[in-house]
Amino acid sequence: RLLALSQRAVAMGQADSVDGSLCQRSEDAMIETLVELMPRDKPEQFEHFFLQLSFIASSTTRLRTALESGHPDLVEEALESAENVGVLPYLLKMAVAQAGQEAE
């Protein structure tokens, strides 16, 4: 997530310094902070970033639903769809990070 943000010119140093680490916040608070930090002078980058964020959110939901239903064919479709829109690497990184947190 943070890689995508840094590629979109979000000053991550600012995000991390506001009330502690950005990653320790709730998802809603994190989104609010990131929206405030997005550069206003580059609307194309802003729109592209939120399109990618939308793809990540919808792909994550689709993958979670497929996993919970226990249908491997739906999991495969969700992963292929995520790959087609270019967000599979982000999903895999999030899955690994989540698994690491749950293992602690």
N, C-alpha and C. Protein backbone atom coordinates (compact mmCIF):
# COMPACT_ATOMS: atom_id res chain seq x y z
N ARG A 1 0.82 -1.19 0.00
CA ARG A 1 0.00 0.00 0.00
C ARG A 1 0.85 1.25 0.00
N LEU A 2 1.85 1.23 0.88
CA LEU A 2 2.67 2.42 1.00
C LEU A 2 3.51 2.65 -0.24
N LEU A 3 3.90 1.58 -0.94
CA LEU A 3 4.64 1.74 -2.18
C LEU A 3 3.79 2.46 -3.21
N ALA A 4 2.54 2.06 -3.34
CA ALA A 4 1.63 2.71 -4.28
C ALA A 4 1.48 4.18 -3.93
N LEU A 5 1.42 4.49 -2.67
CA LEU A 5 1.27 5.87 -2.24
C LEU A 5 2.51 6.69 -2.53
N SER A 6 3.67 6.11 -2.26
CA SER A 6 4.90 6.86 -2.51
C SER A 6 5.11 7.09 -4.00
N GLN A 7 4.62 6.16 -4.83
CA GLN A 7 4.70 6.36 -6.27
C GLN A 7 3.78 7.48 -6.74
N ARG A 8 2.79 7.82 -5.93
CA ARG A 8 1.84 8.86 -6.28
C ARG A 8 2.16 10.18 -5.60
N ALA A 9 3.37 10.31 -5.10
CA ALA A 9 3.88 11.56 -4.53
C ALA A 9 3.21 11.93 -3.22
N VAL A 10 2.82 10.96 -2.44
CA VAL A 10 2.32 11.25 -1.10
C VAL A 10 3.53 11.29 -0.18
N ALA A 11 3.61 12.32 0.61
CA ALA A 11 4.73 12.48 1.54
C ALA A 11 4.53 11.54 2.71
N MET A 12 5.11 10.36 2.65
CA MET A 12 4.89 9.36 3.68
C MET A 12 5.51 9.77 5.01
N GLY A 13 6.53 10.57 5.00
CA GLY A 13 7.10 11.06 6.24
C GLY A 13 6.06 11.84 7.03
N GLN A 14 5.26 12.65 6.34
CA GLN A 14 4.19 13.39 6.99
C GLN A 14 3.15 12.43 7.54
N ALA A 15 2.77 11.43 6.77
CA ALA A 15 1.74 10.48 7.19
C ALA A 15 2.18 9.73 8.43
N ASP A 16 3.44 9.34 8.47
CA ASP A 16 3.94 8.58 9.61
C ASP A 16 4.07 9.45 10.86
N SER A 17 4.31 10.75 10.68
CA SER A 17 4.54 11.59 11.84
C SER A 17 3.25 12.10 12.48
N VAL A 18 2.13 11.98 11.82
CA VAL A 18 0.87 12.45 12.38
C VAL A 18 0.34 11.41 13.35
N ASP A 19 0.41 11.72 14.65
CA ASP A 19 -0.09 10.82 15.71
C ASP A 19 0.51 9.42 15.62
N GLY A 20 1.74 9.25 15.26
CA GLY A 20 2.35 7.93 15.20
C GLY A 20 2.29 7.34 13.81
N SER A 21 2.52 6.05 13.73
CA SER A 21 2.61 5.37 12.45
C SER A 21 1.27 5.27 11.75
N LEU A 22 1.26 5.51 10.48
CA LEU A 22 0.04 5.43 9.67
C LEU A 22 -0.55 4.02 9.71
N CYS A 23 0.30 3.03 9.70
CA CYS A 23 -0.17 1.64 9.66
C CYS A 23 -0.85 1.20 10.95
N GLN A 24 -0.68 1.94 12.03
CA GLN A 24 -1.30 1.58 13.30
C GLN A 24 -2.71 2.14 13.43
N ARG A 25 -3.15 2.91 12.47
CA ARG A 25 -4.47 3.54 12.53
C ARG A 25 -5.55 2.62 11.99
N SER A 26 -6.79 2.98 12.29
CA SER A 26 -7.91 2.25 11.71
C SER A 26 -7.92 2.54 10.21
N GLU A 27 -8.59 1.68 9.47
CA GLU A 27 -8.64 1.86 8.01
C GLU A 27 -9.27 3.20 7.65
N ASP A 28 -10.36 3.58 8.32
CA ASP A 28 -11.01 4.86 8.03
C ASP A 28 -10.10 6.04 8.29
N ALA A 29 -9.40 6.01 9.42
CA ALA A 29 -8.48 7.10 9.76
C ALA A 29 -7.32 7.15 8.78
N MET A 30 -6.84 5.98 8.36
CA MET A 30 -5.75 5.92 7.40
C MET A 30 -6.17 6.56 6.08
N ILE A 31 -7.36 6.23 5.61
CA ILE A 31 -7.85 6.77 4.35
C ILE A 31 -8.00 8.28 4.44
N GLU A 32 -8.58 8.77 5.52
CA GLU A 32 -8.73 10.22 5.70
C GLU A 32 -7.39 10.94 5.66
N THR A 33 -6.41 10.38 6.34
CA THR A 33 -5.08 10.98 6.37
C THR A 33 -4.46 11.01 4.98
N LEU A 34 -4.58 9.89 4.28
CA LEU A 34 -3.98 9.80 2.94
C LEU A 34 -4.65 10.75 1.96
N VAL A 35 -5.96 10.89 2.05
CA VAL A 35 -6.67 11.82 1.17
C VAL A 35 -6.17 13.25 1.42
N GLU A 36 -5.96 13.60 2.68
CA GLU A 36 -5.47 14.93 3.02
C GLU A 36 -4.05 15.16 2.49
N LEU A 37 -3.26 14.10 2.40
CA LEU A 37 -1.87 14.23 1.96
C LEU A 37 -1.69 14.16 0.44
N MET A 38 -2.71 13.76 -0.27
CA MET A 38 -2.58 13.65 -1.73
C MET A 38 -2.36 15.04 -2.33
N PRO A 39 -1.43 15.13 -3.27
CA PRO A 39 -1.16 16.43 -3.89
C PRO A 39 -2.36 16.91 -4.70
N ARG A 40 -2.76 18.13 -4.52
CA ARG A 40 -3.93 18.69 -5.21
C ARG A 40 -3.57 19.25 -6.58
N ASP A 41 -2.28 19.45 -6.83
CA ASP A 41 -1.85 20.05 -8.08
C ASP A 41 -1.72 19.04 -9.22
N LYS A 42 -1.95 17.77 -8.95
CA LYS A 42 -1.81 16.74 -9.97
C LYS A 42 -3.06 15.85 -9.99
N PRO A 43 -4.17 16.36 -10.52
CA PRO A 43 -5.43 15.61 -10.47
C PRO A 43 -5.37 14.28 -11.22
N GLU A 44 -4.55 14.19 -12.26
CA GLU A 44 -4.46 12.93 -13.00
C GLU A 44 -3.88 11.82 -12.12
N GLN A 45 -2.83 12.15 -11.38
CA GLN A 45 -2.24 11.17 -10.47
C GLN A 45 -3.21 10.80 -9.37
N PHE A 46 -3.93 11.77 -8.87
CA PHE A 46 -4.91 11.55 -7.83
C PHE A 46 -5.99 10.58 -8.31
N GLU A 47 -6.52 10.82 -9.50
CA GLU A 47 -7.56 9.96 -10.06
C GLU A 47 -7.03 8.55 -10.32
N HIS A 48 -5.83 8.46 -10.86
CA HIS A 48 -5.24 7.15 -11.14
C HIS A 48 -5.03 6.37 -9.85
N PHE A 49 -4.54 7.05 -8.82
CA PHE A 49 -4.32 6.41 -7.54
C PHE A 49 -5.62 5.84 -6.99
N PHE A 50 -6.69 6.62 -7.00
CA PHE A 50 -7.94 6.14 -6.44
C PHE A 50 -8.59 5.06 -7.30
N LEU A 51 -8.32 5.06 -8.58
CA LEU A 51 -8.77 3.96 -9.42
C LEU A 51 -8.05 2.67 -9.01
N GLN A 52 -6.75 2.75 -8.81
CA GLN A 52 -5.99 1.59 -8.33
C GLN A 52 -6.47 1.15 -6.96
N LEU A 53 -6.71 2.09 -6.09
CA LEU A 53 -7.21 1.76 -4.75
C LEU A 53 -8.56 1.06 -4.83
N SER A 54 -9.41 1.50 -5.73
CA SER A 54 -10.71 0.86 -5.94
C SER A 54 -10.54 -0.57 -6.44
N PHE A 55 -9.60 -0.77 -7.37
CA PHE A 55 -9.32 -2.13 -7.86
C PHE A 55 -8.84 -3.03 -6.73
N ILE A 56 -7.97 -2.49 -5.88
CA ILE A 56 -7.46 -3.28 -4.75
C ILE A 56 -8.59 -3.65 -3.81
N ALA A 57 -9.44 -2.68 -3.48
CA ALA A 57 -10.55 -2.95 -2.56
C ALA A 57 -11.51 -3.98 -3.13
N SER A 58 -11.89 -3.82 -4.39
CA SER A 58 -12.85 -4.77 -4.97
C SER A 58 -12.23 -6.15 -5.16
N SER A 59 -10.97 -6.19 -5.52
CA SER A 59 -10.29 -7.48 -5.69
C SER A 59 -10.13 -8.19 -4.35
N THR A 60 -9.82 -7.42 -3.31
CA THR A 60 -9.68 -8.00 -1.97
C THR A 60 -11.01 -8.59 -1.50
N THR A 61 -12.08 -7.86 -1.70
CA THR A 61 -13.41 -8.34 -1.31
C THR A 61 -13.78 -9.59 -2.09
N ARG A 62 -13.53 -9.56 -3.37
CA ARG A 62 -13.85 -10.72 -4.21
C ARG A 62 -13.04 -11.95 -3.79
N LEU A 63 -11.77 -11.76 -3.51
CA LEU A 63 -10.91 -12.86 -3.09
C LEU A 63 -11.33 -13.39 -1.72
N ARG A 64 -11.61 -12.50 -0.79
CA ARG A 64 -12.04 -12.93 0.54
C ARG A 64 -13.34 -13.74 0.46
N THR A 65 -14.29 -13.27 -0.33
CA THR A 65 -15.56 -13.98 -0.49
C THR A 65 -15.34 -15.36 -1.10
N ALA A 66 -14.47 -15.44 -2.08
CA ALA A 66 -14.17 -16.72 -2.73
C ALA A 66 -13.51 -17.68 -1.75
N LEU A 67 -12.57 -17.18 -0.96
CA LEU A 67 -11.89 -18.03 0.03
C LEU A 67 -12.87 -18.52 1.10
N GLU A 68 -13.72 -17.63 1.57
CA GLU A 68 -14.69 -18.01 2.60
C GLU A 68 -15.72 -19.01 2.10
N SER A 69 -16.04 -18.95 0.81
CA SER A 69 -17.01 -19.89 0.25
C SER A 69 -16.41 -21.26 0.00
N GLY A 70 -15.08 -21.32 -0.04
CA GLY A 70 -14.40 -22.60 -0.23
C GLY A 70 -14.47 -23.13 -1.65
N HIS A 71 -14.60 -22.22 -2.62
CA HIS A 71 -14.66 -22.63 -4.02
C HIS A 71 -13.36 -22.25 -4.72
N PRO A 72 -12.48 -23.23 -4.98
CA PRO A 72 -11.19 -22.93 -5.61
C PRO A 72 -11.32 -22.24 -6.97
N ASP A 73 -12.37 -22.56 -7.72
CA ASP A 73 -12.54 -21.93 -9.04
C ASP A 73 -12.81 -20.43 -8.90
N LEU A 74 -13.55 -20.04 -7.86
CA LEU A 74 -13.80 -18.61 -7.63
C LEU A 74 -12.53 -17.90 -7.14
N VAL A 75 -11.73 -18.61 -6.36
CA VAL A 75 -10.45 -18.04 -5.90
C VAL A 75 -9.55 -17.80 -7.11
N GLU A 76 -9.50 -18.77 -7.99
CA GLU A 76 -8.68 -18.63 -9.20
C GLU A 76 -9.16 -17.46 -10.06
N GLU A 77 -10.47 -17.34 -10.23
CA GLU A 77 -11.02 -16.22 -11.01
C GLU A 77 -10.67 -14.88 -10.37
N ALA A 78 -10.78 -14.80 -9.04
CA ALA A 78 -10.47 -13.56 -8.34
C ALA A 78 -9.00 -13.19 -8.51
N LEU A 79 -8.12 -14.18 -8.41
CA LEU A 79 -6.68 -13.92 -8.59
C LEU A 79 -6.36 -13.51 -10.02
N GLU A 80 -6.99 -14.17 -10.99
CA GLU A 80 -6.77 -13.80 -12.39
C GLU A 80 -7.25 -12.38 -12.67
N SER A 81 -8.40 -12.04 -12.10
CA SER A 81 -8.93 -10.69 -12.27
C SER A 81 -7.99 -9.65 -11.66
N ALA A 82 -7.48 -9.95 -10.47
CA ALA A 82 -6.54 -9.04 -9.81
C ALA A 82 -5.27 -8.88 -10.64
N GLU A 83 -4.83 -9.96 -11.24
CA GLU A 83 -3.64 -9.89 -12.10
C GLU A 83 -3.93 -9.06 -13.34
N ASN A 84 -5.11 -9.23 -13.92
CA ASN A 84 -5.46 -8.49 -15.14
C ASN A 84 -5.52 -6.98 -14.92
N VAL A 85 -5.94 -6.55 -13.73
CA VAL A 85 -6.00 -5.11 -13.47
C VAL A 85 -4.72 -4.59 -12.81
N GLY A 86 -3.75 -5.48 -12.59
CA GLY A 86 -2.44 -5.06 -12.11
C GLY A 86 -2.30 -4.89 -10.61
N VAL A 87 -3.21 -5.46 -9.83
CA VAL A 87 -3.12 -5.28 -8.37
C VAL A 87 -2.74 -6.55 -7.63
N LEU A 88 -2.47 -7.63 -8.33
CA LEU A 88 -2.12 -8.89 -7.67
C LEU A 88 -0.90 -8.75 -6.76
N PRO A 89 0.17 -8.07 -7.17
CA PRO A 89 1.31 -7.93 -6.26
C PRO A 89 0.93 -7.26 -4.94
N TYR A 90 0.06 -6.26 -4.99
CA TYR A 90 -0.38 -5.59 -3.76
C TYR A 90 -1.18 -6.54 -2.88
N LEU A 91 -2.06 -7.33 -3.50
CA LEU A 91 -2.87 -8.29 -2.74
C LEU A 91 -1.99 -9.32 -2.06
N LEU A 92 -0.99 -9.81 -2.78
CA LEU A 92 -0.10 -10.81 -2.20
C LEU A 92 0.71 -10.24 -1.04
N LYS A 93 1.18 -9.00 -1.20
CA LYS A 93 1.92 -8.35 -0.11
C LYS A 93 1.03 -8.17 1.11
N MET A 94 -0.22 -7.76 0.89
CA MET A 94 -1.15 -7.58 2.01
C MET A 94 -1.43 -8.92 2.70
N ALA A 95 -1.58 -9.98 1.90
CA ALA A 95 -1.86 -11.30 2.47
C ALA A 95 -0.70 -11.79 3.32
N VAL A 96 0.52 -11.59 2.84
CA VAL A 96 1.70 -12.00 3.60
C VAL A 96 1.81 -11.19 4.89
N ALA A 97 1.58 -9.89 4.80
CA ALA A 97 1.64 -9.04 6.00
C ALA A 97 0.58 -9.45 7.01
N GLN A 98 -0.62 -9.71 6.54
CA GLN A 98 -1.70 -10.14 7.44
C GLN A 98 -1.38 -11.47 8.10
N ALA A 99 -0.85 -12.42 7.31
CA ALA A 99 -0.50 -13.73 7.86
C ALA A 99 0.59 -13.57 8.92
N GLY A 100 1.54 -12.68 8.68
CA GLY A 100 2.60 -12.43 9.66
C GLY A 100 2.05 -11.87 10.96
N GLN A 101 1.08 -10.95 10.85
CA GLN A 101 0.47 -10.38 12.05
C GLN A 101 -0.31 -11.44 12.82
N GLU A 102 -1.01 -12.29 12.11
CA GLU A 102 -1.82 -13.33 12.77
C GLU A 102 -0.94 -14.40 13.40
N ALA A 103 0.26 -14.61 12.86
CA ALA A 103 1.16 -15.63 13.40
C ALA A 103 1.82 -15.16 14.70
N GLU A 104 1.86 -13.87 14.95
CA GLU A 104 2.52 -13.35 16.16
C GLU A 104 1.79 -13.66 17.40
